[in-house]
């Protein structure tokens, strides 16, 4: 049985966020405490300074513990970066039967076995020796000659095949993230790392968006994480190592100011479309290390931002264009992450991809009360980690299979884990 306390730890290049929550009696989450600390020591999903990052993790979790008045337990953390690998493969098993030449009934154990078979077939391939499997996400099942089956449990057949997207992470970056958490004084189960893309999908994507086709784009500080969905399944995961941090650095160089002040100017006065900025408005820009301040036009600030945004989106488009058909991405682009708060960023993305853009805020209906602080694209990952940990995802409904009619809670927990990755 899982602990009633769960902790989501979102380790990003800009901020480290921690949320401590408790599962309520009504199958909802009660938020107990939230902590936030500016991030240091990690870039583009890779630890660069383990001492600095562990200090940030400690501060974020300590702040959450103080607000919650309890310890951070059962920690789940996100992982992303260019070291993430994906492989689509098949698993296949025979269904045992007591009667010769009669099909057997498929159970939860058989579903687990066929997914494990698919994951194992990937793990033994050359090149994946130093990788850890994070997720095995079933696309669909085949029972004998019947294909495109979403939920095979309680159906009958001789053979069960599953097409599974296996997501892996290199061991070194994963171990260094775990070590950061340990140095901060906390423990994390090796199986409690969640791919950033997967966590986000739980908090910002609707069932309709998954089924109709969508591109989920998370623009954080160090990387842009892109997930491509079609017919309800995650089909492709991409990581572009450029995001909001690059915009801030460009501003700091162009305005000859500090990183902190450049970040402030970007958030308060910047726009991804320079023509939408105030043409005659000027800003006072503080100098570096006591140097005299200068005055710069708001248009110049947005011009610098637009140049970097266009470069970033060009890379995102070129990396992803071969993996989707525009006509099948009916729901368009769903945008999340801290950089989603940048003025006119949705317009810039629309121009780059020629698709409708929705700035998504995390779905907070699964919480006992509305928390205004979490109603922000920057908290989408942290909220998604909570939902992933507790199995709050879009569960397929079938007449032949009902969670409420099943026996033990242990069986339900196993089933939710399968459905969690499937959806």
Protein backbone atom coordinates (compact mmCIF):
# COMPACT_ATOMS: atom_id res chain seq x y z
CA UNK A 1 0.00 0.00 0.00
CA UNK A 2 1.35 3.40 -0.95
CA UNK A 3 2.05 6.00 1.71
CA UNK A 4 -0.77 8.51 2.10
CA UNK A 5 1.86 11.26 1.79
CA UNK A 6 3.45 11.82 -1.61
CA UNK A 7 5.97 14.44 -2.67
CA UNK A 8 6.43 15.79 -6.19
CA UNK A 9 9.87 17.17 -6.95
CA UNK A 10 10.20 19.15 -10.19
CA UNK A 11 13.91 19.72 -10.84
CA UNK A 12 14.26 22.27 -13.61
CA UNK A 13 16.99 24.51 -14.97
CA UNK A 14 15.24 27.63 -13.66
CA UNK A 15 13.48 26.47 -10.51
CA UNK A 16 13.24 23.49 -8.18
CA UNK A 17 9.67 23.00 -6.98
CA UNK A 18 8.40 20.66 -4.31
CA UNK A 19 4.80 19.82 -3.44
CA UNK A 20 3.75 17.65 -0.50
CA UNK A 21 0.24 16.19 -0.76
CA UNK A 22 -2.00 13.65 0.94
CA UNK A 23 -4.52 11.35 -0.73
CA UNK A 24 -7.94 12.17 0.73
CA UNK A 25 -10.80 9.79 1.45
CA UNK A 26 -12.65 10.94 -1.66
CA UNK A 27 -9.82 9.93 -4.00
CA UNK A 28 -8.55 13.48 -4.32
CA UNK A 29 -5.29 15.13 -3.36
CA UNK A 30 -4.97 17.52 -0.47
CA UNK A 31 -2.05 19.93 -0.98
CA UNK A 32 -0.19 20.31 2.30
CA UNK A 33 2.82 22.41 1.36
CA UNK A 34 4.59 24.02 -1.59
CA UNK A 35 8.27 24.96 -1.81
CA UNK A 36 10.20 26.76 -4.52
CA UNK A 37 13.87 27.62 -4.94
CA UNK A 38 15.81 29.14 -7.87
CA UNK A 39 17.77 26.36 -9.53
CA UNK A 40 21.54 26.09 -9.74
CA UNK A 41 23.81 23.31 -10.92
CA UNK A 42 21.64 21.75 -13.62
CA UNK A 43 21.49 22.55 -17.31
CA UNK A 44 19.29 20.92 -19.94
CA UNK A 45 18.45 18.04 -17.62
CA UNK A 46 22.06 17.22 -16.74
CA UNK A 47 23.64 17.83 -13.34
CA UNK A 48 26.59 20.22 -13.62
CA UNK A 49 27.22 21.00 -9.94
CA UNK A 50 25.90 18.34 -7.61
CA UNK A 51 26.51 20.35 -4.42
CA UNK A 52 24.72 23.43 -5.73
CA UNK A 53 21.75 21.45 -7.01
CA UNK A 54 21.41 19.40 -3.83
CA UNK A 55 21.28 22.65 -1.86
CA UNK A 56 18.43 23.88 -4.06
CA UNK A 57 16.56 20.59 -3.65
CA UNK A 58 17.01 20.81 0.11
CA UNK A 59 15.70 24.38 0.25
CA UNK A 60 12.65 23.63 -1.89
CA UNK A 61 11.68 20.54 0.10
CA UNK A 62 12.39 22.23 3.43
CA UNK A 63 10.06 25.08 2.48
CA UNK A 64 7.37 22.57 1.50
CA UNK A 65 7.86 20.66 4.77
CA UNK A 66 7.55 23.86 6.80
CA UNK A 67 4.29 24.76 5.06
CA UNK A 68 2.97 21.21 5.37
CA UNK A 69 4.20 20.65 8.93
CA UNK A 70 5.27 17.14 7.96
CA UNK A 71 8.20 15.40 6.31
CA UNK A 72 8.61 14.98 2.56
CA UNK A 73 8.02 11.27 1.96
CA UNK A 74 7.49 9.00 -1.04
CA UNK A 75 9.33 11.38 -3.37
CA UNK A 76 8.73 11.28 -7.13
CA UNK A 77 10.98 13.35 -9.40
CA UNK A 78 10.99 14.28 -13.07
CA UNK A 79 13.77 13.55 -15.54
CA UNK A 80 14.44 14.96 -19.00
CA UNK A 81 17.32 15.76 -21.33
CA UNK A 82 18.97 14.62 -24.53
CA UNK A 83 20.00 11.37 -22.81
CA UNK A 84 16.40 10.10 -23.04
CA UNK A 85 15.91 7.33 -25.61
CA UNK A 86 12.75 5.73 -26.99
CA UNK A 87 12.19 2.46 -28.84
CA UNK A 88 8.96 1.04 -30.25
CA UNK A 89 8.80 -2.74 -30.08
CA UNK A 90 6.50 -5.74 -29.73
CA UNK A 91 5.90 -8.17 -26.91
CA UNK A 92 4.17 -11.50 -27.44
CA UNK A 93 2.97 -14.26 -25.13
CA UNK A 94 0.77 -17.33 -25.35
CA UNK A 95 -2.38 -17.50 -23.23
CA UNK A 96 -2.57 -20.74 -21.25
CA UNK A 97 -5.80 -22.76 -21.29
CA UNK A 98 -7.13 -25.84 -19.56
CA UNK A 99 -8.89 -27.07 -22.70
CA UNK A 100 -6.92 -27.93 -25.87
CA UNK A 101 -7.73 -25.83 -28.93
CA UNK A 102 -9.81 -23.43 -26.84
CA UNK A 103 -8.72 -19.80 -26.27
CA UNK A 104 -7.74 -18.77 -22.76
CA UNK A 105 -8.98 -15.75 -20.83
CA UNK A 106 -6.60 -12.79 -20.64
CA UNK A 107 -5.90 -11.48 -17.15
CA UNK A 108 -4.00 -8.53 -15.70
CA UNK A 109 -0.97 -10.79 -15.20
CA UNK A 110 -0.92 -11.58 -18.92
CA UNK A 111 -0.97 -7.86 -19.77
CA UNK A 112 1.93 -7.29 -17.38
CA UNK A 113 3.83 -10.18 -18.96
CA UNK A 114 3.41 -8.98 -22.55
CA UNK A 115 4.51 -5.43 -21.66
CA UNK A 116 7.49 -6.82 -19.76
CA UNK A 117 8.37 -8.98 -22.78
CA UNK A 118 8.36 -5.90 -25.03
CA UNK A 119 10.53 -3.93 -22.60
CA UNK A 120 12.98 -6.79 -22.18
CA UNK A 121 13.34 -7.14 -25.94
CA UNK A 122 14.44 -3.50 -26.04
CA UNK A 123 16.72 -3.66 -23.01
CA UNK A 124 18.82 -6.48 -24.48
CA UNK A 125 19.45 -4.59 -27.70
CA UNK A 126 22.95 -3.30 -28.30
CA UNK A 127 23.41 0.28 -27.17
CA UNK A 128 20.99 0.13 -24.21
CA UNK A 129 23.28 -1.67 -21.76
CA UNK A 130 23.79 1.46 -19.65
CA UNK A 131 20.20 2.62 -19.70
CA UNK A 132 17.30 2.23 -17.28
CA UNK A 133 13.74 1.74 -18.45
CA UNK A 134 11.49 4.51 -17.16
CA UNK A 135 8.21 3.58 -18.84
CA UNK A 136 6.67 0.99 -21.10
CA UNK A 137 3.70 2.64 -22.79
CA UNK A 138 1.36 0.28 -24.71
CA UNK A 139 0.04 1.67 -27.98
CA UNK A 140 -2.41 -1.13 -28.68
CA UNK A 141 -2.89 -4.87 -28.33
CA UNK A 142 -3.46 -7.70 -30.79
CA UNK A 143 -5.34 -10.87 -29.84
CA UNK A 144 -4.59 -13.50 -32.48
CA UNK A 145 -5.72 -11.71 -35.69
CA UNK A 146 -7.77 -8.99 -33.96
CA UNK A 147 -5.80 -5.75 -33.83
CA UNK A 148 -6.24 -2.23 -32.43
CA UNK A 149 -7.53 -3.48 -29.06
CA UNK A 150 -7.24 -1.00 -26.19
CA UNK A 151 -8.13 -3.17 -23.22
CA UNK A 152 -7.66 -6.95 -23.62
CA UNK A 153 -8.46 -7.96 -20.03
CA UNK A 154 -11.28 -10.53 -19.77
CA UNK A 155 -11.11 -11.18 -23.53
CA UNK A 156 -10.15 -14.60 -24.91
CA UNK A 157 -7.41 -15.64 -27.28
CA UNK A 158 -4.47 -17.94 -27.97
CA UNK A 159 -1.81 -15.23 -28.27
CA UNK A 160 -1.52 -11.67 -26.96
CA UNK A 161 0.75 -9.12 -28.65
CA UNK A 162 1.42 -5.57 -27.49
CA UNK A 163 3.07 -2.73 -29.34
CA UNK A 164 4.95 -0.82 -26.64
CA UNK A 165 6.87 2.44 -26.63
CA UNK A 166 9.78 1.88 -24.23
CA UNK A 167 11.34 5.01 -22.74
CA UNK A 168 14.86 4.77 -21.32
CA UNK A 169 17.31 7.08 -19.59
CA UNK A 170 21.07 6.83 -19.45
CA UNK A 171 22.10 5.62 -16.00
CA UNK A 172 24.68 8.32 -15.23
CA UNK A 173 22.35 11.37 -15.36
CA UNK A 174 19.71 9.42 -13.43
CA UNK A 175 22.13 8.37 -10.70
CA UNK A 176 23.43 11.93 -10.35
CA UNK A 177 19.90 13.24 -9.88
CA UNK A 178 19.29 10.60 -7.22
CA UNK A 179 22.56 11.56 -5.52
CA UNK A 180 21.47 15.22 -5.42
CA UNK A 181 18.33 14.22 -3.56
CA UNK A 182 20.31 11.99 -1.18
CA UNK A 183 22.84 14.74 -0.44
CA UNK A 184 19.92 17.02 0.44
CA UNK A 185 18.95 14.50 3.12
CA UNK A 186 16.11 12.66 1.38
CA UNK A 187 15.53 9.24 -0.19
CA UNK A 188 14.03 8.37 -3.55
CA UNK A 189 13.12 4.96 -4.91
CA UNK A 190 14.94 4.31 -8.23
CA UNK A 191 11.57 3.50 -9.80
CA UNK A 192 10.11 6.88 -8.79
CA UNK A 193 11.65 8.86 -11.63
CA UNK A 194 9.06 10.07 -14.14
CA UNK A 195 9.76 11.31 -17.64
CA UNK A 196 8.89 15.00 -17.78
CA UNK A 197 6.72 14.46 -20.87
CA UNK A 198 4.68 11.75 -19.14
CA UNK A 199 4.13 13.79 -15.97
CA UNK A 200 2.91 16.76 -18.00
CA UNK A 201 0.41 14.67 -19.92
CA UNK A 202 -1.40 13.80 -16.69
CA UNK A 203 -1.97 17.43 -15.72
CA UNK A 204 -2.61 19.30 -18.99
CA UNK A 205 -3.94 16.89 -21.64
CA UNK A 206 -7.60 15.93 -21.97
CA UNK A 207 -8.77 12.59 -23.35
CA UNK A 208 -10.06 14.35 -26.48
CA UNK A 209 -6.68 15.98 -27.10
CA UNK A 210 -4.93 12.63 -26.84
CA UNK A 211 -7.36 10.89 -29.18
CA UNK A 212 -7.65 13.64 -31.79
CA UNK A 213 -3.90 14.20 -31.96
CA UNK A 214 -1.88 16.88 -30.22
CA UNK A 215 1.63 18.20 -29.73
CA UNK A 216 2.45 18.87 -26.09
CA UNK A 217 5.25 21.41 -25.84
CA UNK A 218 6.85 22.22 -22.49
CA UNK A 219 9.22 25.18 -22.69
CA UNK A 220 11.11 25.47 -19.45
CA UNK A 221 14.41 27.10 -18.63
CA UNK A 222 16.91 24.66 -20.12
CA UNK A 223 15.06 22.54 -22.66
CA UNK A 224 11.92 22.31 -24.73
CA UNK A 225 10.20 18.93 -24.26
CA UNK A 226 7.94 17.87 -27.13
CA UNK A 227 5.43 15.00 -26.97
CA UNK A 228 3.47 13.92 -30.03
CA UNK A 229 0.14 12.15 -29.44
CA UNK A 230 -2.03 10.35 -31.97
CA UNK A 231 -5.09 8.14 -31.44
CA UNK A 232 -4.66 8.33 -27.68
CA UNK A 233 -1.05 7.12 -27.62
CA UNK A 234 2.27 8.86 -27.04
CA UNK A 235 4.10 8.29 -30.32
CA UNK A 236 7.25 10.38 -30.07
CA UNK A 237 9.36 12.13 -27.43
CA UNK A 238 11.77 14.90 -28.42
CA UNK A 239 14.07 17.13 -26.35
CA UNK A 240 15.41 20.40 -27.78
CA UNK A 241 18.26 21.78 -25.61
CA UNK A 242 17.18 25.41 -25.87
CA UNK A 243 14.51 27.27 -23.92
CA UNK A 244 13.84 30.24 -21.66
CA UNK A 245 17.33 30.32 -20.19
CA UNK A 246 18.84 31.04 -23.61
CA UNK A 247 16.48 34.00 -24.01
CA UNK A 248 17.55 35.37 -20.64
CA UNK A 249 21.25 35.00 -21.48
CA UNK A 250 20.77 36.83 -24.78
CA UNK A 251 19.08 39.68 -22.95
CA UNK A 252 21.85 39.84 -20.33
CA UNK A 253 24.47 40.08 -23.08
CA UNK A 254 22.53 42.50 -25.25
CA UNK A 255 21.53 44.81 -22.41
CA UNK A 256 24.82 44.39 -20.49
CA UNK A 257 23.03 43.51 -17.29
CA UNK A 258 22.88 40.65 -14.80
CA UNK A 259 21.13 37.35 -15.45
CA UNK A 260 18.70 38.08 -12.60
CA UNK A 261 17.78 41.49 -13.99
CA UNK A 262 17.50 40.13 -17.53
CA UNK A 263 15.07 37.48 -16.26
CA UNK A 264 13.00 40.16 -14.52
CA UNK A 265 12.90 42.33 -17.64
CA UNK A 266 11.92 39.35 -19.80
CA UNK A 267 9.01 38.45 -17.55
CA UNK A 268 7.73 41.98 -16.89
CA UNK A 269 8.34 43.80 -20.17
CA UNK A 270 9.35 41.27 -22.83
CA UNK A 271 7.33 39.97 -25.77
CA UNK A 272 7.98 37.19 -28.26
CA UNK A 273 6.65 39.51 -31.00
CA UNK A 274 8.63 42.77 -31.10
CA UNK A 275 5.96 44.70 -33.02
CA UNK A 276 3.56 44.19 -30.12
CA UNK A 277 5.90 45.96 -27.69
CA UNK A 278 5.65 49.63 -26.80
CA UNK A 279 7.66 51.42 -29.49
CA UNK A 280 8.48 54.56 -27.46
CA UNK A 281 8.64 53.07 -23.98
CA UNK A 282 12.07 52.92 -22.30
CA UNK A 283 13.31 50.81 -19.40
CA UNK A 284 16.06 51.48 -16.91
CA UNK A 285 18.55 48.62 -17.01
CA UNK A 286 20.89 48.20 -14.07
CA UNK A 287 24.56 47.69 -14.81
CA UNK A 288 26.75 44.76 -13.83
CA UNK A 289 28.53 44.82 -10.46
CA UNK A 290 27.78 48.44 -9.67
CA UNK A 291 28.23 49.86 -13.15
CA UNK A 292 26.00 52.73 -14.18
CA UNK A 293 22.50 51.86 -15.33
CA UNK A 294 21.37 52.53 -18.89
CA UNK A 295 18.08 53.12 -20.66
CA UNK A 296 16.89 50.77 -23.38
CA UNK A 297 13.70 50.73 -25.41
CA UNK A 298 11.10 48.07 -24.73
CA UNK A 299 11.08 47.37 -28.46
CA UNK A 300 14.82 46.51 -28.35
CA UNK A 301 14.19 44.10 -25.47
CA UNK A 302 11.44 42.31 -27.39
CA UNK A 303 13.51 42.31 -30.58
CA UNK A 304 16.26 40.36 -28.78
CA UNK A 305 13.65 37.98 -27.34
CA UNK A 306 11.95 37.45 -30.70
CA UNK A 307 15.24 36.60 -32.41
CA UNK A 308 16.00 33.79 -29.92
CA UNK A 309 12.39 32.56 -29.82
CA UNK A 310 12.34 32.24 -33.62
CA UNK A 311 15.60 30.28 -33.55
CA UNK A 312 14.30 27.96 -30.83
CA UNK A 313 10.98 27.33 -32.58
CA UNK A 314 12.73 26.73 -35.88
CA UNK A 315 14.76 23.95 -34.25
CA UNK A 316 11.61 22.52 -32.61
CA UNK A 317 9.76 22.50 -35.92
CA UNK A 318 12.61 20.93 -37.88
CA UNK A 319 13.11 18.24 -35.23
CA UNK A 320 9.43 17.30 -35.05
CA UNK A 321 8.01 17.83 -38.56
CA UNK A 322 8.88 14.33 -39.76
CA UNK A 323 7.02 12.63 -36.92
CA UNK A 324 3.50 13.93 -37.37
CA UNK A 325 0.96 14.73 -40.06
CA UNK A 326 -0.51 18.24 -39.58
CA UNK A 327 -3.98 17.07 -40.64
CA UNK A 328 -3.97 14.48 -37.83
CA UNK A 329 -2.95 16.93 -35.10
CA UNK A 330 -6.53 18.10 -34.69
CA UNK A 331 -6.08 19.54 -31.19
CA UNK A 332 -3.04 21.57 -32.22
CA UNK A 333 -0.29 22.53 -29.80
CA UNK A 334 -0.71 22.51 -26.02
CA UNK A 335 1.88 24.75 -24.41
CA UNK A 336 3.13 24.54 -20.82
CA UNK A 337 6.22 25.40 -18.78
CA UNK A 338 7.48 28.66 -17.33
CA UNK A 339 8.23 30.21 -20.73
CA UNK A 340 4.54 29.78 -21.63
CA UNK A 341 4.03 32.93 -19.55
CA UNK A 342 6.09 35.00 -22.00
CA UNK A 343 3.95 37.61 -23.75
CA UNK A 344 2.81 36.59 -27.27
CA UNK A 345 4.67 33.25 -27.18
CA UNK A 346 1.50 31.54 -28.44
CA UNK A 347 1.44 33.83 -31.48
CA UNK A 348 5.08 33.03 -32.23
CA UNK A 349 4.39 29.29 -32.05
CA UNK A 350 1.33 29.63 -34.27
CA UNK A 351 3.46 31.35 -36.91
CA UNK A 352 6.16 28.67 -36.68
CA UNK A 353 3.87 25.60 -36.80
CA UNK A 354 0.72 27.03 -38.42
CA UNK A 355 -1.38 25.30 -35.74
CA UNK A 356 -3.79 26.43 -33.09
CA UNK A 357 -1.98 26.99 -29.78
CA UNK A 358 -3.49 26.58 -26.34
CA UNK A 359 -1.59 27.77 -23.25
CA UNK A 360 -2.42 25.05 -20.75
CA UNK A 361 -2.67 25.41 -17.03
CA UNK A 362 -2.65 22.28 -14.87
CA UNK A 363 -5.98 20.61 -14.22
CA UNK A 364 -6.66 21.26 -10.53
CA UNK A 365 -10.05 19.51 -10.32
CA UNK A 366 -8.43 16.51 -8.68
CA UNK A 367 -7.41 18.61 -5.66
CA UNK A 368 -9.61 18.98 -2.58
CA UNK A 369 -9.47 22.78 -2.88
CA UNK A 370 -8.32 25.19 -5.57
CA UNK A 371 -4.76 26.43 -5.00
CA UNK A 372 -4.24 29.73 -6.92
CA UNK A 373 -0.44 29.37 -6.80
CA UNK A 374 -0.65 26.13 -8.81
CA UNK A 375 -2.86 27.68 -11.51
CA UNK A 376 0.22 28.43 -13.59
CA UNK A 377 1.87 26.65 -16.57
CA UNK A 378 5.12 26.64 -14.57
CA UNK A 379 3.57 24.17 -12.07
CA UNK A 380 2.20 21.78 -14.70
CA UNK A 381 5.05 19.29 -14.28
CA UNK A 382 4.89 19.21 -10.47
CA UNK A 383 1.12 18.69 -10.47
CA UNK A 384 1.50 16.02 -13.17
CA UNK A 385 4.04 14.17 -11.03
CA UNK A 386 1.47 14.02 -8.21
CA UNK A 387 -1.18 12.65 -10.54
CA UNK A 388 1.23 10.10 -11.98
CA UNK A 389 2.22 8.92 -8.51
CA UNK A 390 -1.40 8.45 -7.40
CA UNK A 391 -2.76 7.01 -10.64
CA UNK A 392 -4.99 10.01 -11.42
CA UNK A 393 -5.08 9.66 -15.17
CA UNK A 394 -7.59 9.15 -17.93
CA UNK A 395 -8.81 5.59 -17.47
CA UNK A 396 -10.53 3.88 -20.43
CA UNK A 397 -14.09 2.86 -19.62
CA UNK A 398 -15.36 -0.51 -20.85
CA UNK A 399 -18.52 -2.47 -20.11
CA UNK A 400 -16.60 -5.65 -19.48
CA UNK A 401 -14.16 -4.17 -17.04
CA UNK A 402 -14.89 -1.93 -14.07
CA UNK A 403 -12.37 -0.94 -11.42
CA UNK A 404 -15.08 -0.66 -8.81
CA UNK A 405 -16.14 -4.28 -9.23
CA UNK A 406 -12.70 -5.78 -8.73
CA UNK A 407 -11.54 -7.52 -5.63
CA UNK A 408 -8.43 -6.49 -3.78
CA UNK A 409 -6.81 -3.08 -3.63
CA UNK A 410 -3.51 -4.68 -4.62
CA UNK A 411 -5.04 -5.86 -7.89
CA UNK A 412 -6.40 -2.38 -8.58
CA UNK A 413 -2.99 -0.82 -7.88
CA UNK A 414 -1.37 -3.12 -10.44
CA UNK A 415 -4.04 -2.36 -13.01
CA UNK A 416 -3.72 1.38 -12.50
CA UNK A 417 -0.01 1.15 -13.17
CA UNK A 418 -0.70 -0.49 -16.55
CA UNK A 419 -3.42 2.01 -17.45
CA UNK A 420 -1.25 4.91 -16.27
CA UNK A 421 1.36 4.20 -18.91
CA UNK A 422 -1.24 3.29 -21.55
CA UNK A 423 -3.00 6.65 -21.26
